[in-house]
PDB file of N, CA and C in Angstrom:
ATOM      1  N   MET A   1     -41.278 -18.866 -68.297  1.00  0.00           N
ATOM      2  CA  MET A   1     -41.929 -19.774 -67.389  1.00  0.00           C
ATOM      3  C   MET A   1     -43.444 -19.672 -67.511  1.00  0.00           C
ATOM      4  N   MET A   2     -43.957 -18.461 -67.750  1.00  0.00           N
ATOM      5  CA  MET A   2     -45.404 -18.292 -67.914  1.00  0.00           C
ATOM      6  C   MET A   2     -45.928 -19.148 -69.061  1.00  0.00           C
ATOM      7  N   HIS A   3     -45.154 -19.217 -70.130  1.00  0.00           N
ATOM      8  CA  HIS A   3     -45.593 -19.988 -71.298  1.00  0.00           C
ATOM      9  C   HIS A   3     -45.516 -21.487 -71.037  1.00  0.00           C
ATOM     10  N   GLN A   4     -44.594 -21.895 -70.192  1.00  0.00           N
ATOM     11  CA  GLN A   4     -44.421 -23.320 -69.914  1.00  0.00           C
ATOM     12  C   GLN A   4     -45.513 -23.872 -69.007  1.00  0.00           C
ATOM     13  N   ILE A   5     -45.858 -23.152 -67.940  1.00  0.00           N
ATOM     14  CA  ILE A   5     -46.815 -23.691 -66.972  1.00  0.00           C
ATOM     15  C   ILE A   5     -48.173 -22.998 -67.020  1.00  0.00           C
ATOM     16  N   GLY A   6     -48.282 -21.943 -67.760  1.00  0.00           N
ATOM     17  CA  GLY A   6     -49.547 -21.224 -67.869  1.00  0.00           C
ATOM     18  C   GLY A   6     -49.593 -20.039 -66.915  1.00  0.00           C
ATOM     19  N   LEU A   7     -50.340 -19.029 -67.289  1.00  0.00           N
ATOM     20  CA  LEU A   7     -50.399 -17.786 -66.533  1.00  0.00           C
ATOM     21  C   LEU A   7     -50.962 -17.992 -65.132  1.00  0.00           C
ATOM     22  N   THR A   8     -52.034 -18.744 -65.010  1.00  0.00           N
ATOM     23  CA  THR A   8     -52.671 -18.940 -63.707  1.00  0.00           C
ATOM     24  C   THR A   8     -51.727 -19.627 -62.731  1.00  0.00           C
ATOM     25  N   GLN A   9     -51.083 -20.690 -63.163  1.00  0.00           N
ATOM     26  CA  GLN A   9     -50.159 -21.408 -62.282  1.00  0.00           C
ATOM     27  C   GLN A   9     -48.938 -20.568 -61.967  1.00  0.00           C
ATOM     28  N   TRP A  10     -48.481 -19.777 -62.919  1.00  0.00           N
ATOM     29  CA  TRP A  10     -47.350 -18.883 -62.667  1.00  0.00           C
ATOM     30  C   TRP A  10     -47.688 -17.883 -61.568  1.00  0.00           C
ATOM     31  N   LYS A  11     -48.905 -17.333 -61.602  1.00  0.00           N
ATOM     32  CA  LYS A  11     -49.322 -16.383 -60.573  1.00  0.00           C
ATOM     33  C   LYS A  11     -49.311 -17.033 -59.197  1.00  0.00           C
ATOM     34  N   VAL A  12     -49.780 -18.276 -59.116  1.00  0.00           N
ATOM     35  CA  VAL A  12     -49.784 -18.995 -57.839  1.00  0.00           C
ATOM     36  C   VAL A  12     -48.351 -19.238 -57.364  1.00  0.00           C
ATOM     37  N   ASN A  13     -47.504 -19.729 -58.244  1.00  0.00           N
ATOM     38  CA  ASN A  13     -46.115 -20.053 -57.888  1.00  0.00           C
ATOM     39  C   ASN A  13     -45.308 -18.824 -57.489  1.00  0.00           C
ATOM     40  N   SER A  14     -45.537 -17.715 -58.160  1.00  0.00           N
ATOM     41  CA  SER A  14     -44.718 -16.525 -57.923  1.00  0.00           C
ATOM     42  C   SER A  14     -45.266 -15.635 -56.813  1.00  0.00           C
ATOM     43  N   GLY A  15     -46.494 -15.899 -56.350  1.00  0.00           N
ATOM     44  CA  GLY A  15     -47.086 -15.039 -55.336  1.00  0.00           C
ATOM     45  C   GLY A  15     -47.607 -13.735 -55.915  1.00  0.00           C
ATOM     46  N   TYR A  16     -47.842 -13.714 -57.217  1.00  0.00           N
ATOM     47  CA  TYR A  16     -48.271 -12.495 -57.893  1.00  0.00           C
ATOM     48  C   TYR A  16     -49.565 -11.954 -57.309  1.00  0.00           C
ATOM     49  N   HIS A  17     -50.502 -12.828 -56.998  1.00  0.00           N
ATOM     50  CA  HIS A  17     -51.804 -12.392 -56.495  1.00  0.00           C
ATOM     51  C   HIS A  17     -51.663 -11.685 -55.145  1.00  0.00           C
ATOM     52  N   LEU A  18     -50.816 -12.207 -54.277  1.00  0.00           N
ATOM     53  CA  LEU A  18     -50.605 -11.574 -52.977  1.00  0.00           C
ATOM     54  C   LEU A  18     -49.970 -10.196 -53.140  1.00  0.00           C
ATOM     55  N   ARG A  19     -49.054 -10.090 -54.078  1.00  0.00           N
ATOM     56  CA  ARG A  19     -48.429  -8.790 -54.339  1.00  0.00           C
ATOM     57  C   ARG A  19     -49.470  -7.797 -54.841  1.00  0.00           C
ATOM     58  N   SER A  20     -50.334  -8.260 -55.717  1.00  0.00           N
ATOM     59  CA  SER A  20     -51.389  -7.404 -56.254  1.00  0.00           C
ATOM     60  C   SER A  20     -52.329  -6.928 -55.145  1.00  0.00           C
ATOM     61  N   LEU A  21     -52.678  -7.830 -54.229  1.00  0.00           N
ATOM     62  CA  LEU A  21     -53.545  -7.454 -53.103  1.00  0.00           C
ATOM     63  C   LEU A  21     -52.862  -6.416 -52.215  1.00  0.00           C
ATOM     64  N   ALA A  22     -51.573  -6.600 -51.964  1.00  0.00           N
ATOM     65  CA  ALA A  22     -50.831  -5.654 -51.131  1.00  0.00           C
ATOM     66  C   ALA A  22     -50.759  -4.285 -51.799  1.00  0.00           C
ATOM     67  N   GLU A  23     -50.513  -4.247 -53.098  1.00  0.00           N
ATOM     68  CA  GLU A  23     -50.440  -2.977 -53.825  1.00  0.00           C
ATOM     69  C   GLU A  23     -51.797  -2.275 -53.820  1.00  0.00           C
ATOM     70  N   THR A  24     -52.868  -3.033 -53.973  1.00  0.00           N
ATOM     71  CA  THR A  24     -54.212  -2.453 -53.945  1.00  0.00           C
ATOM     72  C   THR A  24     -54.526  -1.880 -52.572  1.00  0.00           C
ATOM     73  N   ALA A  25     -54.134  -2.595 -51.515  1.00  0.00           N
ATOM     74  CA  ALA A  25     -54.370  -2.109 -50.152  1.00  0.00           C
ATOM     75  C   ALA A  25     -53.616  -0.806 -49.901  1.00  0.00           C
ATOM     76  N   MET A  26     -52.373  -0.722 -50.350  1.00  0.00           N
ATOM     77  CA  MET A  26     -51.596   0.505 -50.162  1.00  0.00           C
ATOM     78  C   MET A  26     -52.177   1.663 -50.970  1.00  0.00           C
ATOM     79  N   TYR A  27     -52.664   1.372 -52.159  1.00  0.00           N
ATOM     80  CA  TYR A  27     -53.290   2.416 -52.976  1.00  0.00           C
ATOM     81  C   TYR A  27     -54.515   2.979 -52.254  1.00  0.00           C
ATOM     82  N   ARG A  28     -55.353   2.091 -51.734  1.00  0.00           N
ATOM     83  CA  ARG A  28     -56.552   2.546 -51.013  1.00  0.00           C
ATOM     84  C   ARG A  28     -56.179   3.349 -49.780  1.00  0.00           C
ATOM     85  N   PHE A  29     -55.175   2.870 -49.033  1.00  0.00           N
ATOM     86  CA  PHE A  29     -54.731   3.574 -47.836  1.00  0.00           C
ATOM     87  C   PHE A  29     -54.298   4.997 -48.180  1.00  0.00           C
ATOM     88  N   LYS A  30     -53.464   5.127 -49.210  1.00  0.00           N
ATOM     89  CA  LYS A  30     -52.960   6.443 -49.590  1.00  0.00           C
ATOM     90  C   LYS A  30     -54.064   7.351 -50.126  1.00  0.00           C
ATOM     91  N   GLN A  31     -55.026   6.781 -50.842  1.00  0.00           N
ATOM     92  CA  GLN A  31     -56.125   7.583 -51.369  1.00  0.00           C
ATOM     93  C   GLN A  31     -56.989   8.133 -50.241  1.00  0.00           C
ATOM     94  N   LEU A  32     -57.231   7.329 -49.221  1.00  0.00           N
ATOM     95  CA  LEU A  32     -58.092   7.751 -48.121  1.00  0.00           C
ATOM     96  C   LEU A  32     -57.369   8.618 -47.091  1.00  0.00           C
ATOM     97  N   MET A  33     -56.131   8.286 -46.796  1.00  0.00           N
ATOM     98  CA  MET A  33     -55.430   8.914 -45.674  1.00  0.00           C
ATOM     99  C   MET A  33     -54.279   9.827 -46.079  1.00  0.00           C
ATOM    100  N   GLY A  34     -54.000   9.914 -47.350  1.00  0.00           N
ATOM    101  CA  GLY A  34     -52.882  10.738 -47.792  1.00  0.00           C
ATOM    102  C   GLY A  34     -51.601   9.927 -47.840  1.00  0.00           C
ATOM    103  N   ASP A  35     -50.635  10.425 -48.579  1.00  0.00           N
ATOM    104  CA  ASP A  35     -49.409   9.649 -48.769  1.00  0.00           C
ATOM    105  C   ASP A  35     -48.252  10.125 -47.893  1.00  0.00           C
ATOM    106  N   LYS A  36     -48.515  11.027 -46.953  1.00  0.00           N
ATOM    107  CA  LYS A  36     -47.458  11.518 -46.073  1.00  0.00           C
ATOM    108  C   LYS A  36     -47.897  11.388 -44.619  1.00  0.00           C
ATOM    109  N   LEU A  37     -46.905  11.186 -43.754  1.00  0.00           N
ATOM    110  CA  LEU A  37     -47.163  11.135 -42.321  1.00  0.00           C
ATOM    111  C   LEU A  37     -46.759  12.465 -41.702  1.00  0.00           C
ATOM    112  N   LYS A  38     -47.495  12.894 -40.707  1.00  0.00           N
ATOM    113  CA  LYS A  38     -47.189  14.156 -40.044  1.00  0.00           C
ATOM    114  C   LYS A  38     -46.100  13.984 -38.986  1.00  0.00           C
ATOM    115  N   SER A  39     -46.052  12.814 -38.363  1.00  0.00           N
ATOM    116  CA  SER A  39     -45.093  12.554 -37.295  1.00  0.00           C
ATOM    117  C   SER A  39     -43.669  12.450 -37.848  1.00  0.00           C
ATOM    118  N   ARG A  40     -42.703  12.829 -37.012  1.00  0.00           N
ATOM    119  CA  ARG A  40     -41.305  12.795 -37.429  1.00  0.00           C
ATOM    120  C   ARG A  40     -40.556  11.575 -36.891  1.00  0.00           C
ATOM    121  N   GLN A  41     -40.905  11.145 -35.700  1.00  0.00           N
ATOM    122  CA  GLN A  41     -40.180  10.041 -35.082  1.00  0.00           C
ATOM    123  C   GLN A  41     -40.848   8.711 -35.433  1.00  0.00           C
ATOM    124  N   PHE A  42     -40.030   7.659 -35.502  1.00  0.00           N
ATOM    125  CA  PHE A  42     -40.514   6.353 -35.957  1.00  0.00           C
ATOM    126  C   PHE A  42     -41.670   5.836 -35.113  1.00  0.00           C
ATOM    127  N   ASN A  43     -41.534   5.884 -33.791  1.00  0.00           N
ATOM    128  CA  ASN A  43     -42.608   5.369 -32.926  1.00  0.00           C
ATOM    129  C   ASN A  43     -43.910   6.138 -33.136  1.00  0.00           C
ATOM    130  N   SER A  44     -43.809   7.423 -33.314  1.00  0.00           N
ATOM    131  CA  SER A  44     -44.991   8.248 -33.568  1.00  0.00           C
ATOM    132  C   SER A  44     -45.584   7.942 -34.946  1.00  0.00           C
ATOM    133  N   GLN A  45     -44.728   7.690 -35.925  1.00  0.00           N
ATOM    134  CA  GLN A  45     -45.204   7.324 -37.261  1.00  0.00           C
ATOM    135  C   GLN A  45     -45.945   5.994 -37.207  1.00  0.00           C
ATOM    136  N   HIS A  46     -45.422   5.057 -36.436  1.00  0.00           N
ATOM    137  CA  HIS A  46     -46.076   3.754 -36.288  1.00  0.00           C
ATOM    138  C   HIS A  46     -47.454   3.932 -35.667  1.00  0.00           C
ATOM    139  N   THR A  47     -47.540   4.733 -34.608  1.00  0.00           N
ATOM    140  CA  THR A  47     -48.820   4.983 -33.953  1.00  0.00           C
ATOM    141  C   THR A  47     -49.789   5.665 -34.913  1.00  0.00           C
ATOM    142  N   GLU A  48     -49.326   6.659 -35.626  1.00  0.00           N
ATOM    143  CA  GLU A  48     -50.170   7.380 -36.584  1.00  0.00           C
ATOM    144  C   GLU A  48     -50.702   6.434 -37.658  1.00  0.00           C
ATOM    145  N   THR A  49     -49.831   5.574 -38.162  1.00  0.00           N
ATOM    146  CA  THR A  49     -50.243   4.615 -39.191  1.00  0.00           C
ATOM    147  C   THR A  49     -51.272   3.642 -38.654  1.00  0.00           C
ATOM    148  N   MET A  50     -51.067   3.129 -37.453  1.00  0.00           N
ATOM    149  CA  MET A  50     -52.012   2.166 -36.868  1.00  0.00           C
ATOM    150  C   MET A  50     -53.379   2.812 -36.619  1.00  0.00           C
ATOM    151  N   ILE A  51     -53.396   4.071 -36.227  1.00  0.00           N
ATOM    152  CA  ILE A  51     -54.666   4.789 -36.045  1.00  0.00           C
ATOM    153  C   ILE A  51     -55.396   4.891 -37.379  1.00  0.00           C
ATOM    154  N   LYS A  52     -54.661   5.218 -38.437  1.00  0.00           N
ATOM    155  CA  LYS A  52     -55.273   5.328 -39.766  1.00  0.00           C
ATOM    156  C   LYS A  52     -55.791   3.973 -40.247  1.00  0.00           C
ATOM    157  N   VAL A  53     -55.030   2.908 -39.996  1.00  0.00           N
ATOM    158  CA  VAL A  53     -55.461   1.568 -40.399  1.00  0.00           C
ATOM    159  C   VAL A  53     -56.738   1.184 -39.657  1.00  0.00           C
ATOM    160  N   LYS A  54     -56.786   1.459 -38.356  1.00  0.00           N
ATOM    161  CA  LYS A  54     -57.995   1.138 -37.577  1.00  0.00           C
ATOM    162  C   LYS A  54     -59.195   1.928 -38.095  1.00  0.00           C
ATOM    163  N   ALA A  55     -58.975   3.173 -38.497  1.00  0.00           N
ATOM    164  CA  ALA A  55     -60.064   3.979 -39.040  1.00  0.00           C
ATOM    165  C   ALA A  55     -60.584   3.386 -40.348  1.00  0.00           C
ATOM    166  N   ILE A  56     -59.681   2.955 -41.219  1.00  0.00           N
ATOM    167  CA  ILE A  56     -60.090   2.332 -42.488  1.00  0.00           C
ATOM    168  C   ILE A  56     -60.840   1.033 -42.222  1.00  0.00           C
ATOM    169  N   ASN A  57     -60.333   0.217 -41.285  1.00  0.00           N
ATOM    170  CA  ASN A  57     -61.014  -1.037 -40.956  1.00  0.00           C
ATOM    171  C   ASN A  57     -62.409  -0.778 -40.403  1.00  0.00           C
ATOM    172  N   LYS A  58     -62.559   0.249 -39.588  1.00  0.00           N
ATOM    173  CA  LYS A  58     -63.868   0.606 -39.031  1.00  0.00           C
ATOM    174  C   LYS A  58     -64.820   1.036 -40.151  1.00  0.00           C
ATOM    175  N   MET A  59     -64.327   1.873 -41.073  1.00  0.00           N
ATOM    176  CA  MET A  59     -65.166   2.315 -42.191  1.00  0.00           C
ATOM    177  C   MET A  59     -65.574   1.136 -43.065  1.00  0.00           C
ATOM    178  N   THR A  60     -64.645   0.227 -43.304  1.00  0.00           N
ATOM    179  CA  THR A  60     -64.941  -0.954 -44.117  1.00  0.00           C
ATOM    180  C   THR A  60     -65.997  -1.811 -43.427  1.00  0.00           C
ATOM    181  N   GLY A  61     -65.841  -2.002 -42.123  1.00  0.00           N
ATOM    182  CA  GLY A  61     -66.799  -2.802 -41.360  1.00  0.00           C
ATOM    183  C   GLY A  61     -68.189  -2.198 -41.353  1.00  0.00           C
ATOM    184  N   LEU A  62     -68.266  -0.886 -41.272  1.00  0.00           N
ATOM    185  CA  LEU A  62     -69.570  -0.225 -41.272  1.00  0.00           C
ATOM    186  C   LEU A  62     -70.259  -0.337 -42.628  1.00  0.00           C
ATOM    187  N   GLY A  63     -69.462  -0.424 -43.690  1.00  0.00           N
ATOM    188  CA  GLY A  63     -70.026  -0.481 -45.026  1.00  0.00           C
ATOM    189  C   GLY A  63     -70.373  -1.876 -45.510  1.00  0.00           C
ATOM    190  N   MET A  64     -69.996  -2.903 -44.741  1.00  0.00           N
ATOM    191  CA  MET A  64     -70.254  -4.279 -45.159  1.00  0.00           C
ATOM    192  C   MET A  64     -71.699  -4.662 -44.833  1.00  0.00           C
ATOM    193  N   PRO A  65     -72.360  -5.351 -45.758  1.00  0.00           N
ATOM    194  CA  PRO A  65     -73.737  -5.769 -45.492  1.00  0.00           C
ATOM    195  C   PRO A  65     -73.788  -6.902 -44.474  1.00  0.00           C
ATOM    196  N   LYS A  66     -74.878  -6.954 -43.735  1.00  0.00           N
ATOM    197  CA  LYS A  66     -75.104  -8.027 -42.779  1.00  0.00           C
ATOM    198  C   LYS A  66     -75.982  -9.078 -43.442  1.00  0.00           C
ATOM    199  N   TYR A  67     -75.502 -10.312 -43.441  1.00  0.00           N
ATOM    200  CA  TYR A  67     -76.239 -11.396 -44.059  1.00  0.00           C
ATOM    201  C   TYR A  67     -76.911 -12.247 -42.990  1.00  0.00           C
ATOM    202  N   GLN A  68     -78.129 -12.666 -43.275  1.00  0.00           N
ATOM    203  CA  GLN A  68     -78.855 -13.555 -42.378  1.00  0.00           C
ATOM    204  C   GLN A  68     -79.393 -14.705 -43.183  1.00  0.00           C
ATOM    205  N   GLN A  69     -79.363 -15.882 -42.579  1.00  0.00           N
ATOM    206  CA  GLN A  69     -79.920 -17.040 -43.265  1.00  0.00           C
ATOM    207  C   GLN A  69     -81.443 -16.934 -43.230  1.00  0.00           C
ATOM    208  N   GLN A  70     -82.032 -17.254 -44.369  1.00  0.00           N
ATOM    209  CA  GLN A  70     -83.496 -17.275 -44.432  1.00  0.00           C
ATOM    210  C   GLN A  70     -83.968 -18.661 -44.101  1.00  0.00           C
ATOM    211  N   SER A  71     -85.006 -18.747 -43.265  1.00  0.00           N
ATOM    212  CA  SER A  71     -85.522 -20.074 -42.919  1.00  0.00           C
ATOM    213  C   SER A  71     -86.775 -20.396 -43.680  1.00  0.00           C
TER     214      SER A  71
END
């Protein structure tokens, strides 16, 4: 199918780009926060994961440049 419709269109049709973004996000999460959870119960694991996600989002937000329009 890639040869018939082209690589770019195949990626759009198959959702390849979204999968790639998800894999990259998980790689970054594991690199920063580790690949194991300390909590044993599901609800606690969910809470632990959400805390880690909020921490990553906060770090990302702090590192983003602030843009201002020049007049």
